N, C-alpha and C. Protein backbone atom coordinates (compact mmCIF):
# COMPACT_ATOMS: atom_id res chain seq x y z
N UNK A 1 22.54 -32.19 75.90
CA UNK A 1 22.48 -33.61 76.21
C UNK A 1 21.46 -34.29 75.31
N UNK A 2 21.72 -35.53 75.01
CA UNK A 2 20.83 -36.31 74.15
C UNK A 2 19.69 -36.89 74.98
N UNK A 3 18.59 -37.20 74.27
CA UNK A 3 17.45 -37.82 74.93
C UNK A 3 17.32 -39.26 74.47
N UNK A 4 16.71 -40.08 75.32
CA UNK A 4 16.48 -41.48 75.02
C UNK A 4 15.52 -41.60 73.83
N UNK A 5 15.79 -42.52 72.92
CA UNK A 5 14.96 -42.73 71.74
C UNK A 5 13.81 -43.69 72.00
N UNK A 6 13.71 -44.23 73.22
CA UNK A 6 12.64 -45.16 73.54
C UNK A 6 11.27 -44.54 73.38
N UNK A 7 10.26 -45.32 72.98
CA UNK A 7 8.93 -44.77 72.75
C UNK A 7 8.34 -44.18 74.02
N UNK A 8 8.07 -42.87 73.97
CA UNK A 8 7.46 -42.18 75.09
C UNK A 8 8.38 -41.94 76.27
N UNK A 9 9.68 -42.19 76.14
CA UNK A 9 10.60 -42.05 77.27
C UNK A 9 11.12 -40.61 77.38
N UNK A 10 12.04 -40.23 76.54
CA UNK A 10 12.56 -38.87 76.52
C UNK A 10 13.49 -38.50 77.67
N UNK A 11 13.95 -39.48 78.46
CA UNK A 11 14.88 -39.17 79.56
C UNK A 11 16.21 -38.68 78.99
N UNK A 12 16.89 -37.87 79.79
CA UNK A 12 18.20 -37.38 79.40
C UNK A 12 19.22 -38.52 79.54
N UNK A 13 20.05 -38.66 78.52
CA UNK A 13 21.09 -39.68 78.56
C UNK A 13 22.33 -39.12 79.24
N UNK A 14 23.10 -39.98 79.92
CA UNK A 14 24.33 -39.48 80.52
C UNK A 14 25.31 -39.04 79.43
N UNK A 15 26.20 -38.15 79.79
CA UNK A 15 27.19 -37.65 78.83
C UNK A 15 27.99 -38.82 78.27
N UNK A 16 28.16 -38.83 76.96
CA UNK A 16 28.85 -39.93 76.30
C UNK A 16 30.34 -39.89 76.63
N UNK A 17 30.92 -41.07 76.68
CA UNK A 17 32.37 -41.14 76.90
C UNK A 17 33.07 -40.71 75.61
N UNK A 18 34.35 -40.53 75.68
CA UNK A 18 35.09 -40.06 74.51
C UNK A 18 35.30 -41.16 73.48
N UNK A 19 35.13 -42.40 73.89
CA UNK A 19 35.32 -43.51 72.95
C UNK A 19 34.02 -44.29 72.81
N UNK A 20 33.89 -44.96 71.69
CA UNK A 20 32.73 -45.81 71.49
C UNK A 20 31.56 -45.08 70.89
N UNK A 21 30.54 -45.85 70.62
CA UNK A 21 29.32 -45.33 70.00
C UNK A 21 28.47 -44.60 71.03
N UNK A 22 27.87 -43.46 70.67
CA UNK A 22 27.02 -42.76 71.65
C UNK A 22 25.75 -43.56 71.96
N UNK A 23 25.27 -43.43 73.19
CA UNK A 23 24.07 -44.15 73.60
C UNK A 23 22.84 -43.55 72.96
N UNK A 24 21.87 -44.40 72.65
CA UNK A 24 20.59 -43.94 72.11
C UNK A 24 19.45 -44.19 73.08
N UNK A 25 19.64 -45.12 74.02
CA UNK A 25 18.58 -45.52 74.93
C UNK A 25 19.08 -45.42 76.36
N UNK A 26 18.16 -45.11 77.27
CA UNK A 26 18.55 -44.96 78.67
C UNK A 26 18.72 -46.31 79.36
N UNK A 27 18.05 -47.34 78.82
CA UNK A 27 18.14 -48.65 79.45
C UNK A 27 17.90 -49.74 78.40
N UNK A 28 18.18 -50.95 78.79
CA UNK A 28 17.92 -52.09 77.91
C UNK A 28 16.41 -52.23 77.66
N UNK A 29 15.63 -51.88 78.66
CA UNK A 29 14.17 -51.95 78.52
C UNK A 29 13.69 -51.02 77.40
N UNK A 30 14.18 -49.78 77.37
CA UNK A 30 13.78 -48.84 76.32
C UNK A 30 14.25 -49.32 74.95
N UNK A 31 15.45 -49.87 74.88
CA UNK A 31 15.96 -50.37 73.61
C UNK A 31 15.08 -51.51 73.10
N UNK A 32 14.68 -52.40 73.99
CA UNK A 32 13.83 -53.53 73.60
C UNK A 32 12.44 -53.07 73.18
N UNK A 33 11.88 -52.11 73.91
CA UNK A 33 10.55 -51.59 73.54
C UNK A 33 10.59 -50.96 72.16
N UNK A 34 11.64 -50.20 71.86
CA UNK A 34 11.78 -49.56 70.55
C UNK A 34 11.93 -50.61 69.45
N UNK A 35 12.74 -51.65 69.71
CA UNK A 35 12.94 -52.71 68.72
C UNK A 35 11.63 -53.45 68.44
N UNK A 36 10.87 -53.78 69.50
CA UNK A 36 9.59 -54.47 69.31
C UNK A 36 8.59 -53.60 68.57
N UNK A 37 8.56 -52.32 68.86
CA UNK A 37 7.66 -51.39 68.19
C UNK A 37 7.99 -51.29 66.70
N UNK A 38 9.27 -51.16 66.37
CA UNK A 38 9.67 -51.11 64.96
C UNK A 38 9.29 -52.39 64.23
N UNK A 39 9.44 -53.53 64.89
CA UNK A 39 9.08 -54.80 64.29
C UNK A 39 7.58 -54.87 64.01
N UNK A 40 6.75 -54.45 64.97
CA UNK A 40 5.30 -54.47 64.75
C UNK A 40 4.89 -53.54 63.63
N UNK A 41 5.51 -52.36 63.55
CA UNK A 41 5.19 -51.41 62.48
C UNK A 41 5.58 -52.00 61.13
N UNK A 42 6.77 -52.62 61.05
CA UNK A 42 7.22 -53.24 59.80
C UNK A 42 6.28 -54.35 59.34
N UNK A 43 5.78 -55.11 60.28
CA UNK A 43 4.88 -56.21 59.95
C UNK A 43 3.45 -55.74 59.72
N UNK A 44 3.17 -54.49 60.00
CA UNK A 44 1.83 -53.96 59.79
C UNK A 44 0.84 -54.38 60.84
N UNK A 45 1.31 -54.94 61.95
CA UNK A 45 0.40 -55.38 63.01
C UNK A 45 -0.11 -54.23 63.85
N UNK A 46 0.68 -53.18 63.96
CA UNK A 46 0.30 -52.09 64.85
C UNK A 46 1.04 -50.83 64.39
N UNK A 47 0.42 -49.70 64.56
CA UNK A 47 1.07 -48.46 64.15
C UNK A 47 0.99 -47.39 65.24
N UNK A 48 1.38 -47.70 66.49
CA UNK A 48 1.28 -46.68 67.53
C UNK A 48 2.25 -45.53 67.32
N UNK A 49 3.39 -45.80 66.71
CA UNK A 49 4.35 -44.72 66.48
C UNK A 49 3.75 -43.69 65.54
N UNK A 50 3.14 -44.14 64.47
CA UNK A 50 2.50 -43.23 63.52
C UNK A 50 1.37 -42.46 64.20
N UNK A 51 0.58 -43.17 65.02
CA UNK A 51 -0.50 -42.51 65.74
C UNK A 51 0.04 -41.47 66.70
N UNK A 52 1.16 -41.80 67.38
CA UNK A 52 1.74 -40.87 68.33
C UNK A 52 2.24 -39.63 67.59
N UNK A 53 2.91 -39.82 66.46
CA UNK A 53 3.42 -38.68 65.69
C UNK A 53 2.27 -37.86 65.12
N UNK A 54 1.22 -38.53 64.61
CA UNK A 54 0.08 -37.81 64.05
C UNK A 54 -0.68 -37.05 65.14
N UNK A 55 -0.65 -37.52 66.35
CA UNK A 55 -1.38 -36.89 67.44
C UNK A 55 -0.68 -35.69 68.04
N UNK A 56 0.55 -35.39 67.62
CA UNK A 56 1.30 -34.27 68.22
C UNK A 56 0.56 -32.95 68.04
N UNK A 57 0.03 -32.71 66.85
CA UNK A 57 -0.70 -31.46 66.62
C UNK A 57 -1.97 -31.42 67.45
N UNK A 58 -2.65 -32.56 67.58
CA UNK A 58 -3.87 -32.61 68.39
C UNK A 58 -3.55 -32.33 69.85
N UNK A 59 -2.44 -32.88 70.34
CA UNK A 59 -2.07 -32.63 71.73
C UNK A 59 -1.72 -31.15 71.95
N UNK A 60 -1.08 -30.53 70.95
CA UNK A 60 -0.76 -29.11 71.06
C UNK A 60 -2.04 -28.28 71.12
N UNK A 61 -3.00 -28.57 70.24
CA UNK A 61 -4.27 -27.84 70.24
C UNK A 61 -5.01 -28.04 71.56
N UNK A 62 -4.94 -29.25 72.10
CA UNK A 62 -5.57 -29.53 73.38
C UNK A 62 -4.99 -28.64 74.47
N UNK A 63 -3.67 -28.50 74.49
CA UNK A 63 -3.01 -27.65 75.47
C UNK A 63 -3.43 -26.19 75.28
N UNK A 64 -3.47 -25.72 74.04
CA UNK A 64 -3.87 -24.33 73.77
C UNK A 64 -5.28 -24.08 74.28
N UNK A 65 -6.21 -24.99 73.98
CA UNK A 65 -7.59 -24.80 74.42
C UNK A 65 -7.72 -24.88 75.94
N UNK A 66 -6.91 -25.72 76.58
CA UNK A 66 -6.95 -25.79 78.05
C UNK A 66 -6.53 -24.45 78.66
N UNK A 67 -5.52 -23.83 78.08
CA UNK A 67 -5.11 -22.52 78.58
C UNK A 67 -6.17 -21.46 78.31
N UNK A 68 -6.89 -21.57 77.19
CA UNK A 68 -7.96 -20.61 76.90
C UNK A 68 -9.09 -20.74 77.91
N UNK A 69 -9.44 -21.98 78.29
CA UNK A 69 -10.47 -22.18 79.31
C UNK A 69 -10.01 -21.58 80.64
N UNK A 70 -8.76 -21.83 80.99
CA UNK A 70 -8.24 -21.29 82.25
C UNK A 70 -8.27 -19.77 82.24
N UNK A 71 -7.91 -19.16 81.12
CA UNK A 71 -7.90 -17.70 81.03
C UNK A 71 -9.32 -17.13 81.13
N UNK A 72 -10.27 -17.75 80.44
CA UNK A 72 -11.66 -17.29 80.51
C UNK A 72 -12.21 -17.44 81.93
N UNK A 73 -11.89 -18.53 82.60
CA UNK A 73 -12.35 -18.74 83.97
C UNK A 73 -11.69 -17.73 84.91
N UNK A 74 -10.42 -17.42 84.67
CA UNK A 74 -9.73 -16.43 85.49
C UNK A 74 -10.38 -15.05 85.34
N UNK A 75 -10.73 -14.68 84.09
CA UNK A 75 -11.39 -13.39 83.87
C UNK A 75 -12.74 -13.33 84.59
N UNK A 76 -13.50 -14.43 84.53
CA UNK A 76 -14.80 -14.47 85.23
C UNK A 76 -14.59 -14.33 86.73
N UNK A 77 -13.65 -15.08 87.29
CA UNK A 77 -13.39 -15.01 88.73
C UNK A 77 -12.93 -13.62 89.13
N UNK A 78 -12.07 -13.00 88.33
CA UNK A 78 -11.59 -11.65 88.64
C UNK A 78 -12.74 -10.65 88.59
N UNK A 79 -13.64 -10.82 87.62
CA UNK A 79 -14.79 -9.93 87.52
C UNK A 79 -15.73 -10.05 88.70
N UNK A 80 -15.98 -11.28 89.12
CA UNK A 80 -16.86 -11.50 90.28
C UNK A 80 -16.20 -10.95 91.54
N UNK A 81 -14.90 -11.14 91.67
CA UNK A 81 -14.17 -10.60 92.82
C UNK A 81 -14.25 -9.07 92.83
N UNK A 82 -14.06 -8.45 91.67
CA UNK A 82 -14.14 -6.99 91.59
C UNK A 82 -15.53 -6.51 91.96
N UNK A 83 -16.57 -7.23 91.53
CA UNK A 83 -17.95 -6.86 91.87
C UNK A 83 -18.17 -6.90 93.38
N UNK A 84 -17.57 -7.89 94.03
CA UNK A 84 -17.82 -8.03 95.47
C UNK A 84 -16.95 -7.10 96.31
N UNK A 85 -15.86 -6.58 95.75
CA UNK A 85 -14.97 -5.73 96.55
C UNK A 85 -15.19 -4.24 96.33
N UNK A 86 -15.57 -3.83 95.12
CA UNK A 86 -15.76 -2.41 94.85
C UNK A 86 -17.10 -1.95 95.38
N UNK A 87 -17.16 -0.73 95.92
CA UNK A 87 -18.46 -0.22 96.39
C UNK A 87 -19.38 0.03 95.21
N UNK A 88 -20.69 -0.18 95.41
CA UNK A 88 -21.61 0.00 94.30
C UNK A 88 -21.79 1.45 93.88
N UNK A 89 -21.66 2.38 94.81
CA UNK A 89 -21.84 3.78 94.44
C UNK A 89 -20.52 4.34 93.91
N UNK A 90 -20.66 5.28 93.04
CA UNK A 90 -19.50 5.91 92.45
C UNK A 90 -19.10 7.08 93.34
N UNK A 91 -17.88 7.05 93.82
CA UNK A 91 -17.36 8.14 94.63
C UNK A 91 -16.80 9.19 93.68
N UNK A 92 -17.23 10.45 93.80
CA UNK A 92 -16.75 11.48 92.87
C UNK A 92 -15.23 11.58 92.88
N UNK A 93 -14.66 11.57 91.68
CA UNK A 93 -13.22 11.70 91.53
C UNK A 93 -12.45 10.41 91.73
N UNK A 94 -13.12 9.33 92.09
CA UNK A 94 -12.43 8.06 92.33
C UNK A 94 -12.71 7.12 91.17
N UNK A 95 -11.67 6.77 90.46
CA UNK A 95 -11.83 5.84 89.34
C UNK A 95 -11.87 4.42 89.89
N UNK A 96 -12.74 3.64 89.35
CA UNK A 96 -12.81 2.23 89.77
C UNK A 96 -12.77 1.34 88.54
N UNK A 97 -12.41 0.10 88.80
CA UNK A 97 -12.33 -0.87 87.70
C UNK A 97 -13.71 -1.12 87.13
N UNK A 98 -13.78 -1.39 85.81
CA UNK A 98 -15.08 -1.78 85.25
C UNK A 98 -15.53 -3.10 85.87
N UNK A 99 -16.82 -3.21 86.12
CA UNK A 99 -17.36 -4.41 86.76
C UNK A 99 -18.23 -5.16 85.78
N UNK A 100 -18.36 -6.46 86.00
CA UNK A 100 -19.24 -7.26 85.17
C UNK A 100 -20.68 -6.79 85.30
N UNK A 101 -21.05 -6.33 86.48
CA UNK A 101 -22.43 -5.90 86.70
C UNK A 101 -22.71 -4.54 86.05
N UNK A 102 -21.69 -3.85 85.56
CA UNK A 102 -21.90 -2.57 84.87
C UNK A 102 -22.53 -2.76 83.50
N UNK A 103 -22.29 -3.90 82.87
CA UNK A 103 -22.84 -4.13 81.54
C UNK A 103 -24.03 -5.09 81.64
N UNK A 104 -24.98 -4.98 80.71
CA UNK A 104 -26.15 -5.88 80.76
C UNK A 104 -25.71 -7.34 80.61
N UNK A 105 -26.14 -8.17 81.50
CA UNK A 105 -25.84 -9.61 81.49
C UNK A 105 -24.34 -9.88 81.45
N UNK A 106 -23.57 -9.09 82.16
CA UNK A 106 -22.11 -9.23 82.16
C UNK A 106 -21.64 -10.56 82.72
N UNK A 107 -22.26 -11.02 83.80
CA UNK A 107 -21.88 -12.30 84.39
C UNK A 107 -22.20 -13.45 83.43
N UNK A 108 -23.35 -13.37 82.81
CA UNK A 108 -23.77 -14.42 81.87
C UNK A 108 -22.84 -14.46 80.66
N UNK A 109 -22.47 -13.29 80.14
CA UNK A 109 -21.56 -13.24 79.00
C UNK A 109 -20.21 -13.87 79.35
N UNK A 110 -19.69 -13.54 80.54
CA UNK A 110 -18.41 -14.09 80.97
C UNK A 110 -18.50 -15.61 81.15
N UNK A 111 -19.61 -16.08 81.72
CA UNK A 111 -19.79 -17.53 81.90
C UNK A 111 -19.94 -18.22 80.54
N UNK A 112 -20.60 -17.55 79.58
CA UNK A 112 -20.75 -18.12 78.24
C UNK A 112 -19.39 -18.23 77.54
N UNK A 113 -18.49 -17.29 77.81
CA UNK A 113 -17.14 -17.37 77.25
C UNK A 113 -16.41 -18.59 77.79
N UNK A 114 -16.56 -18.85 79.09
CA UNK A 114 -15.94 -20.03 79.70
C UNK A 114 -16.53 -21.30 79.08
N UNK A 115 -17.85 -21.33 78.91
CA UNK A 115 -18.52 -22.49 78.33
C UNK A 115 -18.06 -22.73 76.90
N UNK A 116 -17.97 -21.68 76.09
CA UNK A 116 -17.53 -21.83 74.70
C UNK A 116 -16.09 -22.35 74.65
N UNK A 117 -15.23 -21.83 75.52
CA UNK A 117 -13.85 -22.31 75.55
C UNK A 117 -13.79 -23.77 75.99
N UNK A 118 -14.65 -24.15 76.95
CA UNK A 118 -14.69 -25.55 77.41
C UNK A 118 -15.20 -26.48 76.32
N UNK A 119 -16.15 -26.03 75.51
CA UNK A 119 -16.63 -26.85 74.40
C UNK A 119 -15.54 -27.05 73.36
N UNK A 120 -14.75 -26.02 73.08
CA UNK A 120 -13.62 -26.17 72.17
C UNK A 120 -12.58 -27.12 72.75
N UNK A 121 -12.37 -27.04 74.06
CA UNK A 121 -11.44 -27.95 74.72
C UNK A 121 -11.91 -29.39 74.60
N UNK A 122 -13.21 -29.63 74.79
CA UNK A 122 -13.75 -30.99 74.67
C UNK A 122 -13.57 -31.51 73.25
N UNK A 123 -13.82 -30.67 72.25
CA UNK A 123 -13.63 -31.10 70.85
C UNK A 123 -12.17 -31.43 70.58
N UNK A 124 -11.25 -30.62 71.12
CA UNK A 124 -9.82 -30.89 70.92
C UNK A 124 -9.41 -32.17 71.64
N UNK A 125 -10.00 -32.43 72.82
CA UNK A 125 -9.69 -33.65 73.56
C UNK A 125 -10.17 -34.89 72.80
N UNK A 126 -11.36 -34.80 72.22
CA UNK A 126 -11.89 -35.92 71.42
C UNK A 126 -10.98 -36.16 70.22
N UNK A 127 -10.58 -35.09 69.53
CA UNK A 127 -9.69 -35.24 68.37
C UNK A 127 -8.37 -35.88 68.77
N UNK A 128 -7.81 -35.47 69.92
CA UNK A 128 -6.55 -36.04 70.38
C UNK A 128 -6.71 -37.52 70.73
N UNK A 129 -7.81 -37.86 71.40
CA UNK A 129 -8.05 -39.26 71.75
C UNK A 129 -8.27 -40.12 70.51
N UNK A 130 -9.02 -39.60 69.56
CA UNK A 130 -9.25 -40.36 68.32
C UNK A 130 -7.95 -40.55 67.55
N UNK A 131 -7.10 -39.52 67.52
CA UNK A 131 -5.81 -39.64 66.84
C UNK A 131 -4.91 -40.66 67.54
N UNK A 132 -5.11 -40.80 68.85
CA UNK A 132 -4.33 -41.78 69.61
C UNK A 132 -4.91 -43.19 69.50
N UNK A 133 -6.04 -43.33 68.79
CA UNK A 133 -6.60 -44.65 68.56
C UNK A 133 -7.78 -45.03 69.42
N UNK A 134 -8.33 -44.09 70.19
CA UNK A 134 -9.49 -44.41 71.02
C UNK A 134 -10.72 -44.62 70.15
N UNK A 135 -11.56 -45.55 70.53
CA UNK A 135 -12.78 -45.83 69.77
C UNK A 135 -13.85 -44.81 70.14
N UNK A 136 -14.88 -44.71 69.29
CA UNK A 136 -15.99 -43.82 69.61
C UNK A 136 -16.71 -44.29 70.86
N UNK A 137 -16.71 -45.60 71.11
CA UNK A 137 -17.32 -46.12 72.32
C UNK A 137 -16.62 -45.62 73.57
N UNK A 138 -15.27 -45.62 73.55
CA UNK A 138 -14.50 -45.13 74.70
C UNK A 138 -14.71 -43.63 74.88
N UNK A 139 -14.72 -42.89 73.77
CA UNK A 139 -14.95 -41.45 73.84
C UNK A 139 -16.35 -41.17 74.39
N UNK A 140 -17.34 -41.90 73.89
CA UNK A 140 -18.72 -41.71 74.36
C UNK A 140 -18.86 -42.00 75.84
N UNK A 141 -18.23 -43.08 76.31
CA UNK A 141 -18.28 -43.40 77.75
C UNK A 141 -17.67 -42.28 78.58
N UNK A 142 -16.56 -41.71 78.11
CA UNK A 142 -15.91 -40.62 78.85
C UNK A 142 -16.80 -39.38 78.90
N UNK A 143 -17.58 -39.16 77.84
CA UNK A 143 -18.47 -37.99 77.79
C UNK A 143 -19.84 -38.26 78.41
N UNK A 144 -20.13 -39.53 78.70
CA UNK A 144 -21.43 -39.88 79.26
C UNK A 144 -22.53 -39.95 78.22
N UNK A 145 -22.16 -40.23 76.96
CA UNK A 145 -23.14 -40.36 75.88
C UNK A 145 -22.83 -41.64 75.11
N UNK A 146 -23.70 -41.98 74.17
CA UNK A 146 -23.45 -43.19 73.37
C UNK A 146 -22.35 -42.92 72.35
N UNK A 147 -21.84 -44.00 71.78
CA UNK A 147 -20.80 -43.88 70.77
C UNK A 147 -21.32 -43.13 69.54
N UNK A 148 -22.57 -43.41 69.16
CA UNK A 148 -23.16 -42.73 68.00
C UNK A 148 -23.30 -41.23 68.25
N UNK A 149 -23.72 -40.85 69.44
CA UNK A 149 -23.88 -39.45 69.77
C UNK A 149 -22.52 -38.74 69.75
N UNK A 150 -21.51 -39.37 70.32
CA UNK A 150 -20.17 -38.78 70.33
C UNK A 150 -19.67 -38.61 68.89
N UNK A 151 -19.90 -39.60 68.03
CA UNK A 151 -19.44 -39.51 66.64
C UNK A 151 -20.18 -38.41 65.89
N UNK A 152 -21.49 -38.25 66.15
CA UNK A 152 -22.25 -37.18 65.49
C UNK A 152 -21.78 -35.81 65.93
N UNK A 153 -21.52 -35.64 67.24
CA UNK A 153 -21.13 -34.33 67.76
C UNK A 153 -19.71 -33.95 67.36
N UNK A 154 -18.80 -34.89 67.39
CA UNK A 154 -17.40 -34.56 67.23
C UNK A 154 -16.74 -35.20 66.00
N UNK A 155 -17.49 -36.02 65.26
CA UNK A 155 -16.89 -36.74 64.12
C UNK A 155 -16.78 -35.98 62.87
């Protein structure tokens, strides 16, 4: 099935009839939005389509980093759960899962992995927002810092 060509829409179009031109838009509203957007781009007044296309890679990286943070947090939670469920003494002949507390600063290392993944996620989010046209002031407000600080850290 075809998808609507409207900006940001992507709805599935109904199956085309056997006669006539195939539909490109799900509604008159989507067709009008696309026409107005093309007109603004042609006149050089606005380039959201270009920004949206350029931001696709940034959005993909943002998604990848979000999954990395989730995976690191899951590993930390699983390690803490294993520490709280397994007995501290080793029972002869009984194999047990490795625990975070078995290694020096195991909990801290696991938390640092989550923090590092979250910092990469924040950098990817800033890049995606900037590619979408957000100002450094808006990014700084979202991070709770000034625009200059946000630009220095992530620019």
